[in-house]
Structure formats: C-alpha cells, structure tokens
C-alpha atoms as a PDB file:
ATOM      1  CA  MET A   1     -15.943   4.324 -10.721  1.00  0.00           C
ATOM      2  CA  SER A   2     -13.792   2.222  -8.409  1.00  0.00           C
ATOM      3  CA  GLN A   3     -13.708   2.754  -4.672  1.00  0.00           C
ATOM      4  CA  ILE A   4     -10.132   4.042  -4.894  1.00  0.00           C
ATOM      5  CA  SER A   5     -11.000   6.534  -7.640  1.00  0.00           C
ATOM      6  CA  SER A   6     -13.936   7.722  -5.554  1.00  0.00           C
ATOM      7  CA  ILE A   7     -11.662   8.286  -2.550  1.00  0.00           C
ATOM      8  CA  PHE A   8      -9.250  10.419  -4.563  1.00  0.00           C
ATOM      9  CA  ASN A   9     -12.074  12.354  -6.236  1.00  0.00           C
ATOM     10  CA  LYS A  10     -13.524  13.281  -2.845  1.00  0.00           C
ATOM     11  CA  LEU A  11     -10.103  14.389  -1.607  1.00  0.00           C
ATOM     12  CA  ASN A  12      -9.519  16.467  -4.730  1.00  0.00           C
ATOM     13  CA  LYS A  13     -12.704  18.410  -4.104  1.00  0.00           C
ATOM     14  CA  THR A  14     -11.427  19.524  -0.705  1.00  0.00           C
ATOM     15  CA  GLY A  15      -7.745  19.824  -1.599  1.00  0.00           C
ATOM     16  CA  GLY A  16      -6.959  16.866   0.645  1.00  0.00           C
ATOM     17  CA  LYS A  17      -4.220  14.297   0.241  1.00  0.00           C
ATOM     18  CA  ALA A  18      -4.556  10.578   0.879  1.00  0.00           C
ATOM     19  CA  PHE A  19      -2.812   8.889   3.779  1.00  0.00           C
ATOM     20  CA  ILE A  20      -1.931   5.298   2.841  1.00  0.00           C
ATOM     21  CA  PRO A  21      -0.351   3.251   5.642  1.00  0.00           C
ATOM     22  CA  TYR A  22       1.043  -0.255   5.122  1.00  0.00           C
ATOM     23  CA  ILE A  23       1.133  -3.151   7.574  1.00  0.00           C
ATOM     24  CA  MET A  24       1.927  -6.837   7.113  1.00  0.00           C
ATOM     25  CA  ALA A  25      -1.056  -9.129   7.568  1.00  0.00           C
ATOM     26  CA  GLY A  26      -0.472 -11.542  10.423  1.00  0.00           C
ATOM     27  CA  ASP A  27       2.656  -9.865  11.748  1.00  0.00           C
ATOM     28  CA  GLY A  28       2.424 -10.084  15.525  1.00  0.00           C
ATOM     29  CA  GLY A  29      -0.682 -12.250  15.228  1.00  0.00           C
ATOM     30  CA  LEU A  30      -3.838 -12.137  13.124  1.00  0.00           C
ATOM     31  CA  ASP A  31      -5.820 -10.533  15.949  1.00  0.00           C
ATOM     32  CA  ASN A  32      -3.259  -7.745  16.214  1.00  0.00           C
ATOM     33  CA  SER A  33      -3.384  -7.158  12.463  1.00  0.00           C
ATOM     34  CA  GLU A  34      -7.141  -6.953  12.508  1.00  0.00           C
ATOM     35  CA  ALA A  35      -7.062  -4.459  15.365  1.00  0.00           C
ATOM     36  CA  LEU A  36      -4.445  -2.384  13.543  1.00  0.00           C
ATOM     37  CA  VAL A  37      -6.514  -2.178  10.362  1.00  0.00           C
ATOM     38  CA  PHE A  38      -9.387  -0.711  12.378  1.00  0.00           C
ATOM     39  CA  THR A  39      -6.998   1.635  14.214  1.00  0.00           C
ATOM     40  CA  LEU A  40      -5.471   2.926  10.996  1.00  0.00           C
ATOM     41  CA  ALA A  41      -8.913   3.578   9.527  1.00  0.00           C
ATOM     42  CA  ASN A  42      -9.995   5.404  12.669  1.00  0.00           C
ATOM     43  CA  LYS A  43      -6.824   7.513  12.741  1.00  0.00           C
ATOM     44  CA  GLY A  44      -7.055   8.983   9.271  1.00  0.00           C
ATOM     45  CA  ALA A  45      -6.121   6.306   6.736  1.00  0.00           C
ATOM     46  CA  ASP A  46      -7.909   6.782   3.423  1.00  0.00           C
ATOM     47  CA  ILE A  47      -6.521   3.576   1.929  1.00  0.00           C
ATOM     48  CA  ILE A  48      -4.717   0.751   3.752  1.00  0.00           C
ATOM     49  CA  GLU A  49      -2.102  -1.402   2.050  1.00  0.00           C
ATOM     50  CA  LEU A  50      -2.168  -4.858   3.594  1.00  0.00           C
ATOM     51  CA  GLY A  51       0.901  -6.986   2.985  1.00  0.00           C
ATOM     52  CA  MET A  52       0.569 -10.615   1.907  1.00  0.00           C
ATOM     53  CA  PRO A  53       3.372 -12.682   3.499  1.00  0.00           C
ATOM     54  CA  PHE A  54       5.963 -14.236   1.204  1.00  0.00           C
ATOM     55  CA  SER A  55       9.112 -16.229   1.914  1.00  0.00           C
ATOM     56  CA  ASP A  56      11.402 -14.249  -0.422  1.00  0.00           C
ATOM     57  CA  PRO A  57      10.484 -10.537  -0.236  1.00  0.00           C
ATOM     58  CA  MET A  58      13.295  -9.330  -2.492  1.00  0.00           C
ATOM     59  CA  ALA A  59      12.123  -5.710  -2.821  1.00  0.00           C
ATOM     60  CA  ASP A  60      11.801  -5.105   0.881  1.00  0.00           C
ATOM     61  CA  GLY A  61      14.383  -3.835   3.327  1.00  0.00           C
ATOM     62  CA  PRO A  62      15.153  -5.438   6.691  1.00  0.00           C
ATOM     63  CA  VAL A  63      12.165  -4.087   8.622  1.00  0.00           C
ATOM     64  CA  ILE A  64       9.459  -5.268   6.238  1.00  0.00           C
ATOM     65  CA  ALA A  65      11.380  -8.380   5.170  1.00  0.00           C
ATOM     66  CA  LYS A  66      11.408  -9.502   8.806  1.00  0.00           C
ATOM     67  CA  SER A  67       7.655  -8.904   9.014  1.00  0.00           C
ATOM     68  CA  HIS A  68       7.226 -11.274   6.058  1.00  0.00           C
ATOM     69  CA  GLU A  69       9.409 -13.819   7.853  1.00  0.00           C
ATOM     70  CA  ARG A  70       7.436 -13.577  11.089  1.00  0.00           C
ATOM     71  CA  ALA A  71       4.095 -13.953   9.328  1.00  0.00           C
ATOM     72  CA  VAL A  72       5.323 -16.854   7.177  1.00  0.00           C
ATOM     73  CA  ALA A  73       6.720 -18.587  10.271  1.00  0.00           C
ATOM     74  CA  ASP A  74       3.298 -18.262  11.899  1.00  0.00           C
ATOM     75  CA  GLY A  75       1.693 -19.906   8.865  1.00  0.00           C
ATOM     76  CA  VAL A  76      -0.274 -16.851   7.721  1.00  0.00           C
ATOM     77  CA  SER A  77      -1.887 -17.628   4.354  1.00  0.00           C
ATOM     78  CA  VAL A  78      -3.526 -15.636   1.581  1.00  0.00           C
ATOM     79  CA  ASN A  79      -6.884 -16.818   2.913  1.00  0.00           C
ATOM     80  CA  ASP A  80      -5.983 -15.392   6.334  1.00  0.00           C
ATOM     81  CA  VAL A  81      -5.384 -12.043   4.650  1.00  0.00           C
ATOM     82  CA  PHE A  82      -8.773 -12.217   2.955  1.00  0.00           C
ATOM     83  CA  ALA A  83     -10.372 -13.055   6.309  1.00  0.00           C
ATOM     84  CA  ILE A  84      -8.963  -9.857   7.858  1.00  0.00           C
ATOM     85  CA  VAL A  85     -10.476  -7.827   5.026  1.00  0.00           C
ATOM     86  CA  GLU A  86     -13.829  -9.605   5.329  1.00  0.00           C
ATOM     87  CA  ARG A  87     -14.095  -8.852   9.046  1.00  0.00           C
ATOM     88  CA  PHE A  88     -13.074  -5.241   8.472  1.00  0.00           C
ATOM     89  CA  ARG A  89     -15.742  -4.855   5.784  1.00  0.00           C
ATOM     90  CA  GLU A  90     -18.422  -5.914   8.236  1.00  0.00           C
ATOM     91  CA  HIS A  91     -17.888  -2.535   9.925  1.00  0.00           C
ATOM     92  CA  ASN A  92     -16.189  -0.292   7.357  1.00  0.00           C
ATOM     93  CA  GLN A  93     -17.050  -0.010   3.667  1.00  0.00           C
ATOM     94  CA  SER A  94     -15.461   3.368   2.961  1.00  0.00           C
ATOM     95  CA  THR A  95     -11.722   2.934   3.633  1.00  0.00           C
ATOM     96  CA  GLY A  96      -9.857   1.546   0.641  1.00  0.00           C
ATOM     97  CA  ILE A  97      -8.054  -1.777   0.986  1.00  0.00           C
ATOM     98  CA  VAL A  98      -5.129  -2.709  -1.272  1.00  0.00           C
ATOM     99  CA  LEU A  99      -3.374  -6.073  -1.067  1.00  0.00           C
ATOM    100  CA  MET A 100       0.362  -5.724  -1.643  1.00  0.00           C
ATOM    101  CA  GLY A 101       2.626  -8.669  -2.242  1.00  0.00           C
ATOM    102  CA  TYR A 102       4.552 -10.872  -4.645  1.00  0.00           C
ATOM    103  CA  THR A 103       3.612 -12.894  -7.710  1.00  0.00           C
ATOM    104  CA  ASN A 104       4.222 -16.413  -6.426  1.00  0.00           C
ATOM    105  CA  PRO A 105       1.407 -16.718  -3.841  1.00  0.00           C
ATOM    106  CA  ILE A 106      -1.078 -15.249  -6.349  1.00  0.00           C
ATOM    107  CA  GLU A 107       0.018 -17.649  -9.094  1.00  0.00           C
ATOM    108  CA  VAL A 108      -0.324 -20.566  -6.710  1.00  0.00           C
ATOM    109  CA  TYR A 109      -3.809 -19.376  -5.727  1.00  0.00           C
ATOM    110  CA  GLY A 110      -4.744 -18.908  -9.389  1.00  0.00           C
ATOM    111  CA  TYR A 111      -5.374 -15.511 -10.964  1.00  0.00           C
ATOM    112  CA  LYS A 112      -9.108 -16.011 -11.463  1.00  0.00           C
ATOM    113  CA  ALA A 113      -9.698 -17.529  -8.022  1.00  0.00           C
ATOM    114  CA  PHE A 114      -7.588 -14.811  -6.372  1.00  0.00           C
ATOM    115  CA  ALA A 115      -9.496 -12.012  -8.092  1.00  0.00           C
ATOM    116  CA  GLN A 116     -12.868 -13.556  -7.232  1.00  0.00           C
ATOM    117  CA  LYS A 117     -11.950 -14.051  -3.586  1.00  0.00           C
ATOM    118  CA  ALA A 118     -10.535 -10.533  -3.382  1.00  0.00           C
ATOM    119  CA  GLN A 119     -13.767  -9.099  -4.690  1.00  0.00           C
ATOM    120  CA  GLU A 120     -15.855 -11.203  -2.303  1.00  0.00           C
ATOM    121  CA  ALA A 121     -13.729 -10.079   0.647  1.00  0.00           C
ATOM    122  CA  GLY A 122     -13.994  -6.396  -0.251  1.00  0.00           C
ATOM    123  CA  VAL A 123     -10.534  -5.677  -1.673  1.00  0.00           C
ATOM    124  CA  ASP A 124     -10.320  -2.507  -3.788  1.00  0.00           C
ATOM    125  CA  GLY A 125      -6.872  -2.837  -5.332  1.00  0.00           C
ATOM    126  CA  VAL A 126      -3.889  -5.116  -5.807  1.00  0.00           C
ATOM    127  CA  LEU A 127      -0.193  -4.224  -6.068  1.00  0.00           C
ATOM    128  CA  VAL A 128       2.220  -6.978  -7.098  1.00  0.00           C
ATOM    129  CA  VAL A 129       5.753  -5.832  -6.373  1.00  0.00           C
ATOM    130  CA  ASP A 130       7.611  -8.170  -8.740  1.00  0.00           C
ATOM    131  CA  MET A 131       5.149  -8.316 -11.644  1.00  0.00           C
ATOM    132  CA  PRO A 132       6.206  -6.002 -14.501  1.00  0.00           C
ATOM    133  CA  PRO A 133       3.438  -4.585 -16.695  1.00  0.00           C
ATOM    134  CA  GLU A 134       4.594  -6.725 -19.622  1.00  0.00           C
ATOM    135  CA  GLU A 135       3.628  -9.849 -17.654  1.00  0.00           C
ATOM    136  CA  ALA A 136       0.533  -8.492 -15.933  1.00  0.00           C
ATOM    137  CA  HIS A 137      -2.142  -8.843 -18.593  1.00  0.00           C
ATOM    138  CA  GLU A 138      -3.616 -12.158 -17.399  1.00  0.00           C
ATOM    139  CA  LEU A 139      -4.045 -11.001 -13.809  1.00  0.00           C
ATOM    140  CA  LYS A 140      -5.191  -7.569 -14.944  1.00  0.00           C
ATOM    141  CA  SER A 141      -7.888  -9.150 -17.088  1.00  0.00           C
ATOM    142  CA  GLU A 142      -9.297 -10.991 -14.070  1.00  0.00           C
ATOM    143  CA  LEU A 143      -9.125  -7.915 -11.830  1.00  0.00           C
ATOM    144  CA  ASP A 144     -10.700  -5.673 -14.460  1.00  0.00           C
ATOM    145  CA  LYS A 145     -13.722  -7.984 -14.728  1.00  0.00           C
ATOM    146  CA  LEU A 146     -14.409  -7.387 -11.036  1.00  0.00           C
ATOM    147  CA  GLU A 147     -13.518  -3.658 -10.971  1.00  0.00           C
ATOM    148  CA  ILE A 148     -10.482  -4.164  -8.740  1.00  0.00           C
ATOM    149  CA  ASP A 149      -7.727  -1.634  -9.394  1.00  0.00           C
ATOM    150  CA  PHE A 150      -4.272  -2.812 -10.455  1.00  0.00           C
ATOM    151  CA  ILE A 151      -1.610  -0.539  -8.973  1.00  0.00           C
ATOM    152  CA  PHE A 152       1.972  -0.334 -10.232  1.00  0.00           C
ATOM    153  CA  LEU A 153       5.293   0.868  -8.897  1.00  0.00           C
ATOM    154  CA  VAL A 154       7.323   3.605 -10.573  1.00  0.00           C
ATOM    155  CA  ALA A 155      10.940   4.310  -9.613  1.00  0.00           C
ATOM    156  CA  PRO A 156      13.294   7.276 -10.113  1.00  0.00           C
ATOM    157  CA  THR A 157      14.975   5.214 -12.836  1.00  0.00           C
ATOM    158  CA  THR A 158      11.763   4.525 -14.777  1.00  0.00           C
ATOM    159  CA  THR A 159      12.133   5.865 -18.314  1.00  0.00           C
ATOM    160  CA  ASP A 160       9.621   8.046 -20.113  1.00  0.00           C
ATOM    161  CA  GLU A 161       8.822   5.204 -22.505  1.00  0.00           C
ATOM    162  CA  ARG A 162       8.085   2.876 -19.614  1.00  0.00           C
ATOM    163  CA  LEU A 163       5.933   5.509 -17.950  1.00  0.00           C
ATOM    164  CA  LYS A 164       3.821   5.607 -21.127  1.00  0.00           C
ATOM    165  CA  HIS A 165       3.429   1.826 -20.974  1.00  0.00           C
ATOM    166  CA  ILE A 166       2.491   1.824 -17.279  1.00  0.00           C
ATOM    167  CA  ALA A 167      -0.032   4.583 -17.938  1.00  0.00           C
ATOM    168  CA  LYS A 168      -1.922   2.225 -20.272  1.00  0.00           C
ATOM    169  CA  ILE A 169      -2.319  -0.599 -17.744  1.00  0.00           C
ATOM    170  CA  ALA A 170      -2.352   0.921 -14.231  1.00  0.00           C
ATOM    171  CA  THR A 171      -5.564   1.923 -12.456  1.00  0.00           C
ATOM    172  CA  GLY A 172      -6.330   3.386  -9.029  1.00  0.00           C
ATOM    173  CA  TYR A 173      -3.078   5.158  -8.284  1.00  0.00           C
ATOM    174  CA  ILE A 174       0.654   4.921  -8.925  1.00  0.00           C
ATOM    175  CA  TYR A 175       3.055   4.045  -6.117  1.00  0.00           C
ATOM    176  CA  TYR A 176       6.175   6.154  -6.658  1.00  0.00           C
ATOM    177  CA  VAL A 177       9.205   4.544  -5.039  1.00  0.00           C
ATOM    178  CA  SER A 178      11.025   7.710  -4.038  1.00  0.00           C
ATOM    179  CA  LEU A 179      14.393   6.104  -3.298  1.00  0.00           C
ATOM    180  CA  LYS A 180      16.633   3.710  -5.174  1.00  0.00           C
ATOM    181  CA  GLY A 181      16.903   0.482  -3.206  1.00  0.00           C
ATOM    182  CA  VAL A 182      14.641  -1.439  -0.869  1.00  0.00           C
ATOM    183  CA  THR A 183      11.908  -0.321   1.523  1.00  0.00           C
ATOM    184  CA  GLY A 184      13.052   1.606   4.566  1.00  0.00           C
ATOM    185  CA  ALA A 185      16.319   2.741   2.969  1.00  0.00           C
ATOM    186  CA  GLY A 186      17.966   6.143   2.905  1.00  0.00           C
ATOM    187  CA  ASN A 187      16.729   9.684   3.369  1.00  0.00           C
ATOM    188  CA  LEU A 188      14.440  11.594   1.067  1.00  0.00           C
ATOM    189  CA  ASP A 189      15.591  14.338  -1.266  1.00  0.00           C
ATOM    190  CA  ILE A 190      12.383  16.348  -1.571  1.00  0.00           C
ATOM    191  CA  ASP A 191      13.615  18.308  -4.595  1.00  0.00           C
ATOM    192  CA  SER A 192      14.349  15.065  -6.411  1.00  0.00           C
ATOM    193  CA  VAL A 193      10.928  13.688  -5.498  1.00  0.00           C
ATOM    194  CA  ASN A 194       9.216  16.810  -6.851  1.00  0.00           C
ATOM    195  CA  HIS A 195      11.263  16.672 -10.061  1.00  0.00           C
ATOM    196  CA  HIS A 196      10.221  13.091 -10.761  1.00  0.00           C
ATOM    197  CA  LEU A 197       6.591  13.739  -9.827  1.00  0.00           C
ATOM    198  CA  SER A 198       6.490  16.537 -12.356  1.00  0.00           C
ATOM    199  CA  ARG A 199       8.034  14.301 -15.028  1.00  0.00           C
ATOM    200  CA  MET A 200       5.638  11.433 -14.286  1.00  0.00           C
ATOM    201  CA  LYS A 201       2.577  13.621 -14.565  1.00  0.00           C
ATOM    202  CA  ASN A 202       3.444  14.348 -18.185  1.00  0.00           C
ATOM    203  CA  TYR A 203       2.457  10.756 -18.936  1.00  0.00           C
ATOM    204  CA  ILE A 204       0.366   9.467 -16.043  1.00  0.00           C
ATOM    205  CA  LYS A 205      -2.977  11.005 -15.159  1.00  0.00           C
ATOM    206  CA  LEU A 206      -3.684   8.790 -12.153  1.00  0.00           C
ATOM    207  CA  PRO A 207      -3.063  10.032  -8.607  1.00  0.00           C
ATOM    208  CA  VAL A 208       0.508   9.418  -7.460  1.00  0.00           C
ATOM    209  CA  GLY A 209       1.384   8.258  -3.960  1.00  0.00           C
ATOM    210  CA  VAL A 210       4.943   8.600  -2.689  1.00  0.00           C
ATOM    211  CA  GLY A 211       6.451   5.909  -0.491  1.00  0.00           C
ATOM    212  CA  PHE A 212       9.854   4.829   0.905  1.00  0.00           C
ATOM    213  CA  GLY A 213      11.666   7.019   3.404  1.00  0.00           C
ATOM    214  CA  ILE A 214       8.634   8.703   4.965  1.00  0.00           C
ATOM    215  CA  LYS A 215       9.194   8.265   8.674  1.00  0.00           C
ATOM    216  CA  ASN A 216       7.319  11.078  10.387  1.00  0.00           C
ATOM    217  CA  ALA A 217       4.736  13.821   9.997  1.00  0.00           C
ATOM    218  CA  GLU A 218       7.279  16.477   9.002  1.00  0.00           C
ATOM    219  CA  ILE A 219       8.564  14.492   6.010  1.00  0.00           C
ATOM    220  CA  ALA A 220       5.009  13.469   5.101  1.00  0.00           C
ATOM    221  CA  LYS A 221       3.909  17.098   4.997  1.00  0.00           C
ATOM    222  CA  GLN A 222       6.775  18.048   2.688  1.00  0.00           C
ATOM    223  CA  VAL A 223       5.996  15.174   0.335  1.00  0.00           C
ATOM    224  CA  SER A 224       2.270  15.938   0.295  1.00  0.00           C
ATOM    225  CA  GLU A 225       2.848  19.396  -1.168  1.00  0.00           C
ATOM    226  CA  ASN A 226       3.166  17.835  -4.627  1.00  0.00           C
ATOM    227  CA  ALA A 227       2.050  14.219  -4.217  1.00  0.00           C
ATOM    228  CA  ASP A 228      -1.551  13.038  -4.206  1.00  0.00           C
ATOM    229  CA  ALA A 229      -0.896  10.546  -1.418  1.00  0.00           C
ATOM    230  CA  VAL A 230       1.681   9.728   1.230  1.00  0.00           C
ATOM    231  CA  ILE A 231       2.520   6.050   1.793  1.00  0.00           C
ATOM    232  CA  VAL A 232       4.072   4.964   5.087  1.00  0.00           C
ATOM    233  CA  GLY A 233       5.264   1.412   5.725  1.00  0.00           C
ATOM    234  CA  SER A 234       8.529   0.717   7.539  1.00  0.00           C
ATOM    235  CA  ALA A 235       7.899   3.315  10.265  1.00  0.00           C
ATOM    236  CA  LEU A 236       4.684   1.489  11.216  1.00  0.00           C
ATOM    237  CA  VAL A 237       5.993  -2.051  10.768  1.00  0.00           C
ATOM    238  CA  SER A 238       8.939  -1.277  13.049  1.00  0.00           C
ATOM    239  CA  ILE A 239       6.477  -0.396  15.823  1.00  0.00           C
ATOM    240  CA  VAL A 240       4.750  -3.748  15.356  1.00  0.00           C
ATOM    241  CA  GLU A 241       8.122  -5.462  15.638  1.00  0.00           C
ATOM    242  CA  GLN A 242       9.016  -3.613  18.822  1.00  0.00           C
ATOM    243  CA  LEU A 243       5.660  -3.795  20.598  1.00  0.00           C
ATOM    244  CA  SER A 244       3.743  -6.811  19.295  1.00  0.00           C
ATOM    245  CA  GLY A 245       3.958  -8.324  22.781  1.00  0.00           C
ATOM    246  CA  ASP A 246       2.112  -5.327  24.240  1.00  0.00           C
ATOM    247  CA  LYS A 247      -0.984  -4.958  22.079  1.00  0.00           C
ATOM    248  CA  ASP A 248      -2.417  -1.878  23.769  1.00  0.00           C
ATOM    249  CA  LYS A 249       0.857   0.033  23.631  1.00  0.00           C
ATOM    250  CA  MET A 250       1.436  -0.997  20.001  1.00  0.00           C
ATOM    251  CA  ILE A 251      -2.029   0.135  18.912  1.00  0.00           C
ATOM    252  CA  THR A 252      -1.676   3.419  20.783  1.00  0.00           C
ATOM    253  CA  LYS A 253       1.716   4.221  19.261  1.00  0.00           C
ATOM    254  CA  ILE A 254       0.657   3.330  15.725  1.00  0.00           C
ATOM    255  CA  GLY A 255      -2.563   5.247  16.170  1.00  0.00           C
ATOM    256  CA  ASN A 256      -0.701   8.331  17.358  1.00  0.00           C
ATOM    257  CA  LEU A 257       1.794   8.268  14.472  1.00  0.00           C
ATOM    258  CA  SER A 258      -0.989   7.707  11.956  1.00  0.00           C
ATOM    259  CA  ASN A 259      -3.005  10.597  13.351  1.00  0.00           C
ATOM    260  CA  GLU A 260       0.056  12.881  13.265  1.00  0.00           C
ATOM    261  CA  ILE A 261       0.757  12.071   9.631  1.00  0.00           C
ATOM    262  CA  SER A 262      -2.862  12.284   8.514  1.00  0.00           C
ATOM    263  CA  THR A 263      -3.259  15.639  10.230  1.00  0.00           C
ATOM    264  CA  ALA A 264       0.016  16.997   8.843  1.00  0.00           C
ATOM    265  CA  ILE A 265      -0.783  16.259   5.197  1.00  0.00           C
ATOM    266  CA  ASN A 266      -4.239  17.803   5.433  1.00  0.00           C
END
C-alpha cells in the first residue's frame, strides 16, 4: 500500500478528511519554501502538493502563474525541489508529498531518472497538469515500479467515458478541478461540486480531492461534506507573494489559515 493510500485509509477509519495545501517550491526563496513545508505539516496538512517551477504554466491563473515566474527567475530547478523533500524527510516521514507540475521539465530530466530521484527523495505522488492519460503510460510505468502514485485531474467537463479511462490509470487520489478555467478563478457552486462528485464516484473508487476556488475555512468545510480531501493553492500562494519579504509574518499567516482549514474539515 502506498503512503497516500495509507493516509486516506487512516482518515476513513475516523471519518476524517484530508487537507492538501499547495505551495510553489522556491517561491520567495528555497529557505522559505522549506520552512513552509514544515509549517504546513505542523498545522494539519495530510498531504502537501509541492509545485515544480515551469516557464509556461498554462493551466494556472495569475497568482500561481506568477509564483512559477518568480521561482524560474530565481533559477529554481527540479533538483532544488527534490532537495526540499529530502530535507523534510529527515524529520517527517508521515506527511504525504506530491510533486505537481508540467510535462516538459520531467521529459528533460528523463522519466526513469525523475522517478528514481523522486523515490530517493521521499516523494509519494506525482501530478502532471498537462499530461493526458493517453500519453502517460511511459511515465506511469516508471512510477509504478517504485510505488509512487500517479494522480490525475478531472474537470466538470470530463465525460463518463473519460472517467472510466482515468480510473484505469490513476492511483493515490483524483484531483477534481471544481471550476472551469484556471487556478484561482471564480466562486464555487457547492451543489454543482456535489453533483459531479456523485457522478465521478460511479466510475472512480479512489479518494477525490476538490481544488480551485477554496479560499477559506467556511468554503473548505462545505466542500469536505462530500469530498475526501480539500485542496488549497492560490489562497496560500497569494500570502507568499504578499509577505515573502517578512518570513515570520508569512509563516504565521499561512500557518493560521492552514490550521483553520484543517480544523474546519475535521
């Protein structure tokens, strides 16, 4: 059983829901990112999605796109991301770590080398935003060999037939993109989210995490009623953008928001 599956199994036994925050590796400095990973884990994160910087983050809205730009401008590499995970694993082996990014940097690294390094660093899952399941078999093969979960996105527009296909290849959990558009856009329609969650669960037996549009504890609590996990990205990344020059204040504010959300959904 993978680390991610174990996390969800433990939560299921207590009726708990997973809190999955996202931050961009290297945004505001590698030291800040490392400190934030520890803060998130200490403030209730069950799994942390760690962004891998890319120069053309087409699926991301302005807040997260700018975090990519800042990290790329600072020269943050895939190996820097692995280094953050390695240092975190020296002190924490229980919180899940998922690397989230785009195909190009992984292709350049090489699928086999990427998977091996991820496993050595202590990565539990990988989510590649722009890699459709039809093109994912080579990377999946390398990740499967090392028991690293391969997580996929599902959107409101995903058809039933495509859900069946994703169900055959995805492991760990499904990331349900609750809004049409890019990250950080719009406001959530909870009834619509619940409708699509119900439809998805006809085909997908993995836990489903809901992301996009979750900005505070109140919205997170509503989403958690029917989702297995709540994923929060832009609300946290915007704090990094605003306060990266004041590390203590940034860590405190992100820690407080994370604690509020984690407490609300459980």
